[in-house]
Amino acid sequence: MDNAPATAAIRTRVTIPLRFSDGYAATAEAVTFKGLSDGAEHLALILGDPDPRTTPLVRMHSECLTGDVFGSARCDCGPQLREAVERIAERGGVLLYLRQEGRGIGLYNKLDAYALQDDGLDTYEANLALGLPEDGRDYTAAAQMLNALGVESFELLTNNPDKVRHLRDLGLTVANSVPTGVFATGSNVRYLEAKAVHTGHTIALAGLAV
């Protein structure tokens, strides 16, 4: 635990009924925190009723205004969020909603990167062309949140091996990674291909009709 982050504390707990555009509904306990390393307003949603005999399921979901709120088809964020809520509610666990728009570069920069992608760059090349990191996210606050919630060992719902590595480096016990579904469209297939090829995301695109 040499790399364990500083301690954060729970600030507020409140119950929120959730409802998605397809009619799916769930109840979440929303938890806010104080003392997070980056000072951002990250949120934890506790879903379902974890069975003490099983390992809870955790998802770290980076905020995506265009996908989560407006249903943009240029990414798979909205469908991943919807899927994660249902799967965690069934299993019991936590969804961390992290304020890391555009892999940490912010909303305006993300839209600037979209313009460069329209000219032929992939999502990582576009960030670099703007003088920004390919992925500017830091998961220290996520580790602090899980520690504050007393989540000691869990399975991580992700296609991104870097998330597993980062959390383990921060002293957390990730028992296993569980892949999300593949939500490919004609508008996001190049984005998904870049994630699979460039950063080793476990996304099976072969044979998909988009």
N, C-alpha and C. Protein backbone atom coordinates (compact mmCIF):
# COMPACT_ATOMS: atom_id res chain seq x y z
N MET A 1 0.81 -1.21 0.00
CA MET A 1 0.00 0.00 0.00
C MET A 1 0.86 1.27 0.00
N ASP A 2 2.13 1.17 -0.47
CA ASP A 2 3.01 2.34 -0.47
C ASP A 2 2.45 3.46 -1.33
N ASN A 3 1.72 3.12 -2.39
CA ASN A 3 1.18 4.12 -3.30
C ASN A 3 -0.24 4.53 -2.94
N ALA A 4 -0.73 4.12 -1.79
CA ALA A 4 -2.10 4.45 -1.40
C ALA A 4 -2.27 5.96 -1.33
N PRO A 5 -3.37 6.48 -1.89
CA PRO A 5 -3.59 7.93 -1.86
C PRO A 5 -4.00 8.41 -0.49
N ALA A 6 -3.93 9.72 -0.30
CA ALA A 6 -4.39 10.33 0.95
C ALA A 6 -5.86 10.01 1.18
N THR A 7 -6.25 10.05 2.42
CA THR A 7 -7.62 9.68 2.79
C THR A 7 -8.61 10.78 2.40
N ALA A 8 -9.72 10.38 1.81
CA ALA A 8 -10.86 11.27 1.57
C ALA A 8 -12.00 10.80 2.46
N ALA A 9 -13.03 11.63 2.59
CA ALA A 9 -14.15 11.30 3.46
C ALA A 9 -15.46 11.51 2.73
N ILE A 10 -16.47 10.78 3.18
CA ILE A 10 -17.81 10.95 2.62
C ILE A 10 -18.40 12.27 3.11
N ARG A 11 -19.01 12.99 2.21
CA ARG A 11 -19.60 14.30 2.49
C ARG A 11 -21.11 14.21 2.65
N THR A 12 -21.78 13.60 1.67
CA THR A 12 -23.24 13.51 1.65
C THR A 12 -23.67 12.20 1.02
N ARG A 13 -24.76 11.64 1.51
CA ARG A 13 -25.42 10.48 0.89
C ARG A 13 -26.88 10.85 0.65
N VAL A 14 -27.36 10.55 -0.55
CA VAL A 14 -28.77 10.85 -0.87
C VAL A 14 -29.28 9.83 -1.88
N THR A 15 -30.53 9.40 -1.74
CA THR A 15 -31.12 8.44 -2.65
C THR A 15 -31.70 9.14 -3.87
N ILE A 16 -31.39 8.61 -5.05
CA ILE A 16 -31.87 9.20 -6.31
C ILE A 16 -32.50 8.10 -7.15
N PRO A 17 -33.77 8.27 -7.56
CA PRO A 17 -34.35 7.33 -8.53
C PRO A 17 -33.85 7.68 -9.93
N LEU A 18 -33.34 6.71 -10.64
CA LEU A 18 -32.81 6.92 -11.99
C LEU A 18 -33.78 6.38 -13.03
N ARG A 19 -33.91 7.08 -14.14
CA ARG A 19 -34.71 6.58 -15.25
C ARG A 19 -34.04 6.98 -16.55
N PHE A 20 -33.87 6.00 -17.44
CA PHE A 20 -33.22 6.23 -18.73
C PHE A 20 -34.25 6.35 -19.84
N SER A 21 -33.79 6.82 -21.00
CA SER A 21 -34.72 7.12 -22.10
C SER A 21 -35.44 5.88 -22.61
N ASP A 22 -34.87 4.69 -22.41
CA ASP A 22 -35.53 3.47 -22.86
C ASP A 22 -36.49 2.92 -21.82
N GLY A 23 -36.68 3.64 -20.71
CA GLY A 23 -37.62 3.22 -19.69
C GLY A 23 -36.99 2.47 -18.52
N TYR A 24 -35.73 2.07 -18.65
CA TYR A 24 -35.09 1.35 -17.55
C TYR A 24 -34.97 2.27 -16.34
N ALA A 25 -35.27 1.73 -15.15
CA ALA A 25 -35.21 2.51 -13.92
C ALA A 25 -34.45 1.74 -12.85
N ALA A 26 -33.77 2.48 -12.00
CA ALA A 26 -33.05 1.89 -10.87
C ALA A 26 -32.96 2.95 -9.78
N THR A 27 -32.68 2.51 -8.59
CA THR A 27 -32.49 3.43 -7.48
C THR A 27 -31.02 3.40 -7.06
N ALA A 28 -30.46 4.58 -6.91
CA ALA A 28 -29.05 4.69 -6.55
C ALA A 28 -28.89 5.53 -5.29
N GLU A 29 -27.90 5.20 -4.49
CA GLU A 29 -27.49 6.08 -3.41
C GLU A 29 -26.30 6.89 -3.93
N ALA A 30 -26.52 8.19 -4.09
CA ALA A 30 -25.47 9.07 -4.59
C ALA A 30 -24.62 9.54 -3.41
N VAL A 31 -23.31 9.45 -3.57
CA VAL A 31 -22.39 9.81 -2.50
C VAL A 31 -21.41 10.87 -3.01
N THR A 32 -21.27 11.96 -2.26
CA THR A 32 -20.28 12.98 -2.56
C THR A 32 -19.15 12.90 -1.53
N PHE A 33 -18.02 13.56 -1.83
CA PHE A 33 -16.82 13.38 -1.03
C PHE A 33 -16.14 14.71 -0.74
N LYS A 34 -15.33 14.70 0.28
CA LYS A 34 -14.44 15.83 0.57
C LYS A 34 -13.03 15.30 0.71
N GLY A 35 -12.07 16.14 0.33
CA GLY A 35 -10.67 15.75 0.43
C GLY A 35 -10.14 15.01 -0.78
N LEU A 36 -10.86 15.05 -1.92
CA LEU A 36 -10.37 14.37 -3.12
C LEU A 36 -9.15 15.10 -3.68
N SER A 37 -8.23 14.36 -4.24
CA SER A 37 -6.93 14.89 -4.62
C SER A 37 -7.01 16.02 -5.64
N ASP A 38 -7.97 15.95 -6.57
CA ASP A 38 -8.04 16.96 -7.63
C ASP A 38 -9.08 18.03 -7.37
N GLY A 39 -9.82 17.92 -6.26
CA GLY A 39 -10.81 18.93 -5.92
C GLY A 39 -12.05 18.94 -6.79
N ALA A 40 -12.19 17.96 -7.68
CA ALA A 40 -13.34 17.92 -8.59
C ALA A 40 -14.55 17.30 -7.89
N GLU A 41 -15.74 17.56 -8.44
CA GLU A 41 -16.98 17.06 -7.86
C GLU A 41 -17.35 15.71 -8.47
N HIS A 42 -16.52 14.70 -8.20
CA HIS A 42 -16.81 13.34 -8.64
C HIS A 42 -17.95 12.77 -7.78
N LEU A 43 -18.63 11.79 -8.34
CA LEU A 43 -19.83 11.23 -7.70
C LEU A 43 -19.77 9.71 -7.73
N ALA A 44 -20.17 9.08 -6.63
CA ALA A 44 -20.32 7.63 -6.60
C ALA A 44 -21.80 7.30 -6.53
N LEU A 45 -22.23 6.34 -7.34
CA LEU A 45 -23.59 5.82 -7.28
C LEU A 45 -23.52 4.38 -6.80
N ILE A 46 -24.07 4.13 -5.62
CA ILE A 46 -24.13 2.78 -5.09
C ILE A 46 -25.43 2.15 -5.59
N LEU A 47 -25.30 1.02 -6.25
CA LEU A 47 -26.43 0.39 -6.94
C LEU A 47 -26.59 -1.05 -6.48
N GLY A 48 -27.84 -1.48 -6.39
CA GLY A 48 -28.12 -2.87 -6.06
C GLY A 48 -27.86 -3.18 -4.60
N ASP A 49 -27.89 -4.45 -4.31
CA ASP A 49 -27.69 -4.94 -2.94
C ASP A 49 -26.59 -5.97 -2.97
N PRO A 50 -25.34 -5.55 -2.78
CA PRO A 50 -24.22 -6.49 -2.92
C PRO A 50 -24.36 -7.71 -2.01
N ASP A 51 -24.12 -8.87 -2.59
CA ASP A 51 -24.10 -10.11 -1.85
C ASP A 51 -22.73 -10.24 -1.19
N PRO A 52 -22.67 -10.36 0.15
CA PRO A 52 -21.37 -10.45 0.80
C PRO A 52 -20.54 -11.64 0.37
N ARG A 53 -21.19 -12.61 -0.29
CA ARG A 53 -20.46 -13.79 -0.75
C ARG A 53 -19.82 -13.57 -2.12
N THR A 54 -20.13 -12.47 -2.77
CA THR A 54 -19.58 -12.19 -4.09
C THR A 54 -18.78 -10.88 -4.08
N THR A 55 -17.99 -10.70 -5.11
CA THR A 55 -17.18 -9.49 -5.24
C THR A 55 -18.01 -8.41 -5.93
N PRO A 56 -18.07 -7.20 -5.38
CA PRO A 56 -18.86 -6.15 -6.02
C PRO A 56 -18.30 -5.76 -7.39
N LEU A 57 -19.18 -5.20 -8.21
CA LEU A 57 -18.81 -4.74 -9.54
C LEU A 57 -18.66 -3.23 -9.50
N VAL A 58 -17.56 -2.72 -10.06
CA VAL A 58 -17.28 -1.28 -10.06
C VAL A 58 -17.04 -0.82 -11.50
N ARG A 59 -17.57 0.34 -11.82
CA ARG A 59 -17.29 0.98 -13.11
C ARG A 59 -16.79 2.38 -12.86
N MET A 60 -15.67 2.74 -13.48
CA MET A 60 -15.22 4.13 -13.50
C MET A 60 -15.64 4.72 -14.84
N HIS A 61 -16.62 5.60 -14.81
CA HIS A 61 -17.16 6.18 -16.04
C HIS A 61 -16.76 7.64 -16.11
N SER A 62 -15.98 8.00 -17.12
CA SER A 62 -15.59 9.39 -17.30
C SER A 62 -16.73 10.17 -17.94
N GLU A 63 -17.03 11.30 -17.35
CA GLU A 63 -18.12 12.16 -17.83
C GLU A 63 -17.99 12.43 -19.33
N CYS A 64 -19.11 12.34 -20.04
CA CYS A 64 -19.16 12.66 -21.46
C CYS A 64 -20.47 13.37 -21.73
N LEU A 65 -20.45 14.69 -21.70
CA LEU A 65 -21.68 15.46 -21.90
C LEU A 65 -22.34 15.11 -23.22
N THR A 66 -21.55 15.04 -24.28
CA THR A 66 -22.14 14.80 -25.60
C THR A 66 -22.78 13.42 -25.70
N GLY A 67 -22.14 12.41 -25.11
CA GLY A 67 -22.68 11.06 -25.19
C GLY A 67 -23.69 10.73 -24.12
N ASP A 68 -23.38 11.10 -22.86
CA ASP A 68 -24.25 10.75 -21.74
C ASP A 68 -25.56 11.52 -21.76
N VAL A 69 -25.50 12.80 -22.14
CA VAL A 69 -26.68 13.67 -22.06
C VAL A 69 -27.37 13.82 -23.41
N PHE A 70 -26.59 14.09 -24.46
CA PHE A 70 -27.18 14.39 -25.76
C PHE A 70 -27.26 13.20 -26.70
N GLY A 71 -26.73 12.05 -26.27
CA GLY A 71 -26.84 10.84 -27.07
C GLY A 71 -25.98 10.83 -28.31
N SER A 72 -24.85 11.55 -28.30
CA SER A 72 -23.97 11.56 -29.46
C SER A 72 -23.57 10.15 -29.86
N ALA A 73 -23.58 9.89 -31.16
CA ALA A 73 -23.19 8.58 -31.68
C ALA A 73 -21.72 8.54 -32.06
N ARG A 74 -20.96 9.61 -31.75
CA ARG A 74 -19.53 9.62 -32.09
C ARG A 74 -18.71 8.82 -31.09
N CYS A 75 -19.30 8.43 -29.99
CA CYS A 75 -18.60 7.61 -28.99
C CYS A 75 -19.57 6.53 -28.51
N ASP A 76 -19.12 5.73 -27.56
CA ASP A 76 -19.99 4.69 -26.99
C ASP A 76 -20.30 4.97 -25.52
N CYS A 77 -20.07 6.21 -25.07
CA CYS A 77 -20.18 6.53 -23.65
C CYS A 77 -21.59 6.40 -23.11
N GLY A 78 -22.57 6.94 -23.82
CA GLY A 78 -23.95 6.86 -23.35
C GLY A 78 -24.42 5.42 -23.17
N PRO A 79 -24.28 4.57 -24.20
CA PRO A 79 -24.67 3.17 -24.03
C PRO A 79 -23.88 2.45 -22.95
N GLN A 80 -22.60 2.78 -22.80
CA GLN A 80 -21.82 2.15 -21.73
C GLN A 80 -22.35 2.54 -20.35
N LEU A 81 -22.71 3.80 -20.18
CA LEU A 81 -23.27 4.25 -18.91
C LEU A 81 -24.57 3.53 -18.60
N ARG A 82 -25.44 3.46 -19.60
CA ARG A 82 -26.73 2.78 -19.41
C ARG A 82 -26.52 1.31 -19.05
N GLU A 83 -25.64 0.64 -19.77
CA GLU A 83 -25.35 -0.76 -19.49
C GLU A 83 -24.77 -0.94 -18.09
N ALA A 84 -23.85 -0.06 -17.72
CA ALA A 84 -23.17 -0.20 -16.43
C ALA A 84 -24.15 -0.09 -15.28
N VAL A 85 -25.08 0.86 -15.35
CA VAL A 85 -26.05 1.01 -14.27
C VAL A 85 -26.85 -0.27 -14.08
N GLU A 86 -27.32 -0.86 -15.17
CA GLU A 86 -28.12 -2.08 -15.05
C GLU A 86 -27.29 -3.25 -14.53
N ARG A 87 -26.09 -3.43 -15.06
CA ARG A 87 -25.28 -4.57 -14.64
C ARG A 87 -24.85 -4.44 -13.18
N ILE A 88 -24.51 -3.24 -12.76
CA ILE A 88 -24.11 -3.05 -11.37
C ILE A 88 -25.32 -3.19 -10.45
N ALA A 89 -26.48 -2.68 -10.86
CA ALA A 89 -27.68 -2.83 -10.04
C ALA A 89 -28.04 -4.29 -9.85
N GLU A 90 -27.85 -5.11 -10.87
CA GLU A 90 -28.16 -6.54 -10.76
C GLU A 90 -27.18 -7.25 -9.83
N ARG A 91 -25.93 -6.87 -9.88
CA ARG A 91 -24.86 -7.54 -9.15
C ARG A 91 -24.64 -6.93 -7.77
N GLY A 92 -24.78 -5.63 -7.69
CA GLY A 92 -24.42 -4.88 -6.50
C GLY A 92 -23.02 -4.32 -6.64
N GLY A 93 -22.90 -3.01 -6.46
CA GLY A 93 -21.59 -2.40 -6.58
C GLY A 93 -21.67 -0.89 -6.68
N VAL A 94 -20.67 -0.31 -7.35
CA VAL A 94 -20.53 1.15 -7.37
C VAL A 94 -20.19 1.62 -8.77
N LEU A 95 -20.85 2.68 -9.20
CA LEU A 95 -20.48 3.40 -10.42
C LEU A 95 -19.86 4.72 -9.99
N LEU A 96 -18.61 4.93 -10.37
CA LEU A 96 -17.94 6.20 -10.11
C LEU A 96 -18.09 7.07 -11.35
N TYR A 97 -18.81 8.19 -11.19
CA TYR A 97 -18.98 9.12 -12.31
C TYR A 97 -17.94 10.22 -12.13
N LEU A 98 -16.90 10.15 -12.96
CA LEU A 98 -15.73 10.99 -12.81
C LEU A 98 -15.77 12.17 -13.78
N ARG A 99 -15.50 13.35 -13.28
CA ARG A 99 -15.59 14.57 -14.09
C ARG A 99 -14.31 14.73 -14.91
N GLN A 100 -14.22 13.90 -15.96
CA GLN A 100 -13.00 13.82 -16.78
C GLN A 100 -13.38 13.89 -18.26
N GLU A 101 -14.10 14.91 -18.62
CA GLU A 101 -14.58 15.07 -19.99
C GLU A 101 -13.44 14.95 -20.99
N GLY A 102 -13.68 14.17 -22.05
CA GLY A 102 -12.70 14.07 -23.13
C GLY A 102 -11.39 13.42 -22.71
N ARG A 103 -11.46 12.37 -21.89
CA ARG A 103 -10.26 11.73 -21.34
C ARG A 103 -9.38 12.75 -20.62
N GLY A 104 -10.04 13.70 -19.96
CA GLY A 104 -9.34 14.65 -19.12
C GLY A 104 -8.96 15.96 -19.76
N ILE A 105 -9.34 16.18 -21.03
CA ILE A 105 -8.92 17.43 -21.69
C ILE A 105 -9.98 18.52 -21.66
N GLY A 106 -11.21 18.18 -21.26
CA GLY A 106 -12.27 19.17 -21.18
C GLY A 106 -13.16 19.19 -22.41
N LEU A 107 -14.34 19.78 -22.24
CA LEU A 107 -15.36 19.75 -23.29
C LEU A 107 -14.93 20.51 -24.55
N TYR A 108 -14.46 21.74 -24.40
CA TYR A 108 -14.12 22.52 -25.58
C TYR A 108 -12.97 21.88 -26.36
N ASN A 109 -11.97 21.41 -25.63
CA ASN A 109 -10.86 20.74 -26.31
C ASN A 109 -11.33 19.46 -26.99
N LYS A 110 -12.27 18.75 -26.38
CA LYS A 110 -12.79 17.54 -27.01
C LYS A 110 -13.47 17.87 -28.34
N LEU A 111 -14.23 18.95 -28.36
CA LEU A 111 -14.89 19.33 -29.60
C LEU A 111 -13.88 19.82 -30.64
N ASP A 112 -12.81 20.49 -30.19
CA ASP A 112 -11.74 20.84 -31.12
C ASP A 112 -11.11 19.58 -31.70
N ALA A 113 -10.95 18.56 -30.86
CA ALA A 113 -10.38 17.29 -31.34
C ALA A 113 -11.32 16.62 -32.33
N TYR A 114 -12.63 16.74 -32.12
CA TYR A 114 -13.59 16.21 -33.08
C TYR A 114 -13.37 16.82 -34.46
N ALA A 115 -13.14 18.15 -34.48
CA ALA A 115 -12.93 18.82 -35.77
C ALA A 115 -11.70 18.25 -36.48
N LEU A 116 -10.65 17.95 -35.73
CA LEU A 116 -9.46 17.36 -36.33
C LEU A 116 -9.72 15.92 -36.77
N GLN A 117 -10.56 15.21 -36.04
CA GLN A 117 -10.93 13.86 -36.46
C GLN A 117 -11.70 13.89 -37.77
N ASP A 118 -12.49 14.93 -37.97
CA ASP A 118 -13.21 15.07 -39.24
C ASP A 118 -12.25 15.26 -40.41
N ASP A 119 -11.04 15.73 -40.11
CA ASP A 119 -10.01 15.91 -41.15
C ASP A 119 -9.13 14.67 -41.30
N GLY A 120 -9.43 13.61 -40.55
CA GLY A 120 -8.73 12.35 -40.76
C GLY A 120 -7.90 11.81 -39.61
N LEU A 121 -7.68 12.61 -38.57
CA LEU A 121 -6.91 12.12 -37.43
C LEU A 121 -7.77 11.20 -36.58
N ASP A 122 -7.12 10.26 -35.85
CA ASP A 122 -7.91 9.47 -34.91
C ASP A 122 -7.98 10.21 -33.58
N THR A 123 -8.69 9.65 -32.62
CA THR A 123 -8.96 10.36 -31.37
C THR A 123 -7.69 10.69 -30.59
N TYR A 124 -6.68 9.82 -30.66
CA TYR A 124 -5.42 10.07 -29.95
C TYR A 124 -4.55 11.07 -30.71
N GLU A 125 -4.47 10.91 -32.03
CA GLU A 125 -3.70 11.84 -32.85
C GLU A 125 -4.24 13.26 -32.72
N ALA A 126 -5.55 13.39 -32.64
CA ALA A 126 -6.16 14.72 -32.54
C ALA A 126 -5.77 15.40 -31.23
N ASN A 127 -5.77 14.66 -30.13
CA ASN A 127 -5.35 15.24 -28.86
C ASN A 127 -3.91 15.74 -28.94
N LEU A 128 -3.03 14.91 -29.50
CA LEU A 128 -1.63 15.29 -29.60
C LEU A 128 -1.44 16.51 -30.50
N ALA A 129 -2.24 16.59 -31.58
CA ALA A 129 -2.15 17.73 -32.49
C ALA A 129 -2.53 19.03 -31.80
N LEU A 130 -3.34 18.93 -30.76
CA LEU A 130 -3.74 20.10 -29.98
C LEU A 130 -2.75 20.41 -28.86
N GLY A 131 -1.67 19.63 -28.78
CA GLY A 131 -0.70 19.82 -27.71
C GLY A 131 -1.17 19.28 -26.37
N LEU A 132 -2.06 18.30 -26.41
CA LEU A 132 -2.66 17.73 -25.21
C LEU A 132 -2.27 16.27 -25.08
N PRO A 133 -2.37 15.69 -23.90
CA PRO A 133 -2.04 14.27 -23.75
C PRO A 133 -3.08 13.38 -24.44
N GLU A 134 -2.64 12.21 -24.87
CA GLU A 134 -3.60 11.24 -25.43
C GLU A 134 -4.68 10.93 -24.41
N ASP A 135 -4.29 10.77 -23.17
CA ASP A 135 -5.22 10.47 -22.09
C ASP A 135 -4.71 11.19 -20.86
N GLY A 136 -5.43 12.24 -20.46
CA GLY A 136 -4.99 13.07 -19.34
C GLY A 136 -5.62 12.71 -18.02
N ARG A 137 -6.23 11.53 -17.92
CA ARG A 137 -6.94 11.18 -16.70
C ARG A 137 -6.00 10.68 -15.60
N ASP A 138 -6.37 10.98 -14.39
CA ASP A 138 -5.70 10.48 -13.20
C ASP A 138 -6.78 9.84 -12.32
N TYR A 139 -6.48 8.65 -11.81
CA TYR A 139 -7.51 7.92 -11.06
C TYR A 139 -7.27 7.92 -9.56
N THR A 140 -6.44 8.85 -9.07
CA THR A 140 -6.20 8.93 -7.64
C THR A 140 -7.49 9.21 -6.88
N ALA A 141 -8.30 10.15 -7.37
CA ALA A 141 -9.56 10.46 -6.69
C ALA A 141 -10.49 9.26 -6.68
N ALA A 142 -10.49 8.47 -7.76
CA ALA A 142 -11.34 7.27 -7.80
C ALA A 142 -10.91 6.30 -6.71
N ALA A 143 -9.60 6.12 -6.53
CA ALA A 143 -9.12 5.24 -5.47
C ALA A 143 -9.52 5.77 -4.10
N GLN A 144 -9.43 7.07 -3.91
CA GLN A 144 -9.85 7.68 -2.64
C GLN A 144 -11.33 7.41 -2.37
N MET A 145 -12.15 7.52 -3.41
CA MET A 145 -13.59 7.31 -3.25
C MET A 145 -13.89 5.87 -2.84
N LEU A 146 -13.25 4.92 -3.50
CA LEU A 146 -13.47 3.52 -3.16
C LEU A 146 -12.99 3.21 -1.75
N ASN A 147 -11.85 3.77 -1.38
CA ASN A 147 -11.38 3.58 -0.01
C ASN A 147 -12.36 4.15 1.01
N ALA A 148 -12.89 5.33 0.73
CA ALA A 148 -13.84 5.95 1.66
C ALA A 148 -15.12 5.13 1.79
N LEU A 149 -15.50 4.45 0.70
CA LEU A 149 -16.70 3.61 0.73
C LEU A 149 -16.43 2.23 1.32
N GLY A 150 -15.18 1.92 1.61
CA GLY A 150 -14.84 0.63 2.18
C GLY A 150 -14.85 -0.50 1.18
N VAL A 151 -14.69 -0.17 -0.11
CA VAL A 151 -14.64 -1.19 -1.16
C VAL A 151 -13.20 -1.65 -1.29
N GLU A 152 -12.91 -2.82 -0.76
CA GLU A 152 -11.53 -3.28 -0.68
C GLU A 152 -11.11 -4.15 -1.85
N SER A 153 -12.02 -4.97 -2.37
CA SER A 153 -11.74 -5.85 -3.50
C SER A 153 -12.95 -5.86 -4.41
N PHE A 154 -12.72 -5.79 -5.72
CA PHE A 154 -13.85 -5.65 -6.63
C PHE A 154 -13.44 -6.11 -8.02
N GLU A 155 -14.45 -6.33 -8.86
CA GLU A 155 -14.23 -6.54 -10.28
C GLU A 155 -14.51 -5.22 -10.98
N LEU A 156 -13.71 -4.89 -12.00
CA LEU A 156 -13.83 -3.61 -12.68
C LEU A 156 -14.46 -3.82 -14.05
N LEU A 157 -15.56 -3.12 -14.28
CA LEU A 157 -16.27 -3.19 -15.56
C LEU A 157 -15.59 -2.22 -16.52
N THR A 158 -14.78 -2.76 -17.42
CA THR A 158 -14.00 -1.90 -18.32
C THR A 158 -13.42 -2.72 -19.47
N ASN A 159 -13.18 -2.04 -20.58
CA ASN A 159 -12.41 -2.60 -21.68
C ASN A 159 -10.97 -2.07 -21.70
N ASN A 160 -10.65 -1.21 -20.75
CA ASN A 160 -9.40 -0.46 -20.77
C ASN A 160 -8.41 -1.04 -19.76
N PRO A 161 -7.37 -1.73 -20.23
CA PRO A 161 -6.41 -2.33 -19.28
C PRO A 161 -5.65 -1.30 -18.46
N ASP A 162 -5.53 -0.06 -18.95
CA ASP A 162 -4.83 0.96 -18.18
C ASP A 162 -5.55 1.28 -16.88
N LYS A 163 -6.88 1.22 -16.88
CA LYS A 163 -7.62 1.51 -15.65
C LYS A 163 -7.30 0.49 -14.57
N VAL A 164 -7.20 -0.77 -14.97
CA VAL A 164 -6.85 -1.82 -14.01
C VAL A 164 -5.46 -1.57 -13.45
N ARG A 165 -4.52 -1.27 -14.33
CA ARG A 165 -3.14 -1.05 -13.89
C ARG A 165 -3.04 0.15 -12.94
N HIS A 166 -3.72 1.23 -13.29
CA HIS A 166 -3.66 2.43 -12.45
C HIS A 166 -4.22 2.15 -11.06
N LEU A 167 -5.36 1.49 -10.97
CA LEU A 167 -5.95 1.24 -9.66
C LEU A 167 -5.08 0.30 -8.84
N ARG A 168 -4.51 -0.71 -9.46
CA ARG A 168 -3.61 -1.60 -8.72
C ARG A 168 -2.37 -0.86 -8.24
N ASP A 169 -1.86 0.04 -9.08
CA ASP A 169 -0.69 0.84 -8.68
C ASP A 169 -1.03 1.73 -7.48
N LEU A 170 -2.30 2.09 -7.35
CA LEU A 170 -2.75 2.94 -6.23
C LEU A 170 -3.10 2.11 -5.00
N GLY A 171 -2.82 0.81 -5.05
CA GLY A 171 -2.99 -0.03 -3.88
C GLY A 171 -4.32 -0.74 -3.75
N LEU A 172 -5.17 -0.66 -4.79
CA LEU A 172 -6.47 -1.31 -4.71
C LEU A 172 -6.39 -2.73 -5.25
N THR A 173 -7.31 -3.57 -4.82
CA THR A 173 -7.36 -4.96 -5.24
C THR A 173 -8.42 -5.12 -6.32
N VAL A 174 -7.98 -5.15 -7.57
CA VAL A 174 -8.89 -5.41 -8.69
C VAL A 174 -8.82 -6.91 -8.96
N ALA A 175 -9.87 -7.61 -8.55
CA ALA A 175 -9.85 -9.07 -8.65
C ALA A 175 -9.90 -9.54 -10.10
N ASN A 176 -10.56 -8.76 -10.94
CA ASN A 176 -10.75 -9.17 -12.34
C ASN A 176 -11.29 -7.99 -13.11
N SER A 177 -11.07 -7.98 -14.42
CA SER A 177 -11.73 -6.99 -15.28
C SER A 177 -12.84 -7.69 -16.06
N VAL A 178 -13.95 -7.00 -16.20
CA VAL A 178 -15.14 -7.52 -16.88
C VAL A 178 -15.42 -6.61 -18.06
N PRO A 179 -15.40 -7.11 -19.29
CA PRO A 179 -15.60 -6.22 -20.44
C PRO A 179 -17.03 -5.71 -20.55
N THR A 180 -17.17 -4.51 -21.07
CA THR A 180 -18.49 -3.97 -21.38
C THR A 180 -18.95 -4.55 -22.72
N GLY A 181 -20.18 -4.24 -23.07
CA GLY A 181 -20.65 -4.57 -24.41
C GLY A 181 -19.94 -3.73 -25.45
N VAL A 182 -20.16 -4.07 -26.71
CA VAL A 182 -19.61 -3.30 -27.82
C VAL A 182 -20.76 -2.55 -28.47
N PHE A 183 -20.66 -1.23 -28.48
CA PHE A 183 -21.75 -0.39 -28.98
C PHE A 183 -21.26 0.38 -30.19
N ALA A 184 -21.11 -0.33 -31.30
CA ALA A 184 -20.55 0.26 -32.51
C ALA A 184 -21.66 0.82 -33.39
N THR A 185 -21.38 1.98 -33.97
CA THR A 185 -22.28 2.60 -34.96
C THR A 185 -21.42 3.06 -36.13
N GLY A 186 -22.08 3.45 -37.19
CA GLY A 186 -21.34 3.99 -38.32
C GLY A 186 -20.57 5.24 -37.98
N SER A 187 -20.99 5.93 -36.91
CA SER A 187 -20.34 7.18 -36.53
C SER A 187 -19.19 7.00 -35.56
N ASN A 188 -19.11 5.85 -34.88
CA ASN A 188 -18.05 5.71 -33.87
C ASN A 188 -17.08 4.56 -34.13
N VAL A 189 -17.23 3.86 -35.26
CA VAL A 189 -16.40 2.68 -35.45
C VAL A 189 -14.91 3.03 -35.54
N ARG A 190 -14.54 4.17 -36.15
CA ARG A 190 -13.13 4.57 -36.19
C ARG A 190 -12.61 4.89 -34.79
N TYR A 191 -13.44 5.49 -33.98
CA TYR A 191 -13.09 5.78 -32.59
C TYR A 191 -12.83 4.49 -31.82
N LEU A 192 -13.70 3.50 -31.98
CA LEU A 192 -13.54 2.23 -31.29
C LEU A 192 -12.31 1.48 -31.80
N GLU A 193 -12.09 1.54 -33.11
CA GLU A 193 -10.91 0.88 -33.68
C GLU A 193 -9.63 1.50 -33.11
N ALA A 194 -9.61 2.81 -32.96
CA ALA A 194 -8.42 3.47 -32.41
C ALA A 194 -8.17 3.01 -30.98
N LYS A 195 -9.23 2.89 -30.19
CA LYS A 195 -9.05 2.43 -28.81
C LYS A 195 -8.53 1.00 -28.77
N ALA A 196 -9.05 0.15 -29.64
CA ALA A 196 -8.63 -1.25 -29.65
C ALA A 196 -7.19 -1.40 -30.11
N VAL A 197 -6.81 -0.67 -31.17
CA VAL A 197 -5.48 -0.83 -31.77
C VAL A 197 -4.43 -0.06 -30.98
N HIS A 198 -4.75 1.18 -30.61
CA HIS A 198 -3.73 2.06 -30.03
C HIS A 198 -3.48 1.80 -28.55
N THR A 199 -4.53 1.50 -27.80
CA THR A 199 -4.36 1.34 -26.35
C THR A 199 -4.84 -0.01 -25.83
N GLY A 200 -5.08 -0.95 -26.72
CA GLY A 200 -5.34 -2.32 -26.29
C GLY A 200 -6.65 -2.55 -25.61
N HIS A 201 -7.64 -1.71 -25.88
CA HIS A 201 -8.97 -1.94 -25.31
C HIS A 201 -9.50 -3.29 -25.82
N THR A 202 -10.20 -4.00 -24.96
CA THR A 202 -10.77 -5.31 -25.34
C THR A 202 -12.12 -5.10 -26.01
N ILE A 203 -12.06 -4.65 -27.26
CA ILE A 203 -13.27 -4.39 -28.04
C ILE A 203 -13.22 -5.27 -29.27
N ALA A 204 -14.16 -6.19 -29.37
CA ALA A 204 -14.21 -7.13 -30.50
C ALA A 204 -15.07 -6.51 -31.60
N LEU A 205 -14.41 -5.96 -32.61
CA LEU A 205 -15.13 -5.28 -33.70
C LEU A 205 -15.30 -6.15 -34.94
N ALA A 206 -14.55 -7.21 -35.05
CA ALA A 206 -14.60 -8.03 -36.27
C ALA A 206 -16.00 -8.58 -36.49
N GLY A 207 -16.49 -8.39 -37.71
CA GLY A 207 -17.78 -8.96 -38.10
C GLY A 207 -18.99 -8.19 -37.65
N LEU A 208 -18.78 -7.04 -36.96
CA LEU A 208 -19.92 -6.27 -36.52
C LEU A 208 -20.53 -5.51 -37.69
N ALA A 209 -21.86 -5.51 -37.76
CA ALA A 209 -22.57 -4.71 -38.77
C ALA A 209 -22.88 -3.35 -38.17
N VAL A 210 -22.42 -2.29 -38.83
CA VAL A 210 -22.65 -0.94 -38.30
C VAL A 210 -23.26 -0.07 -39.38
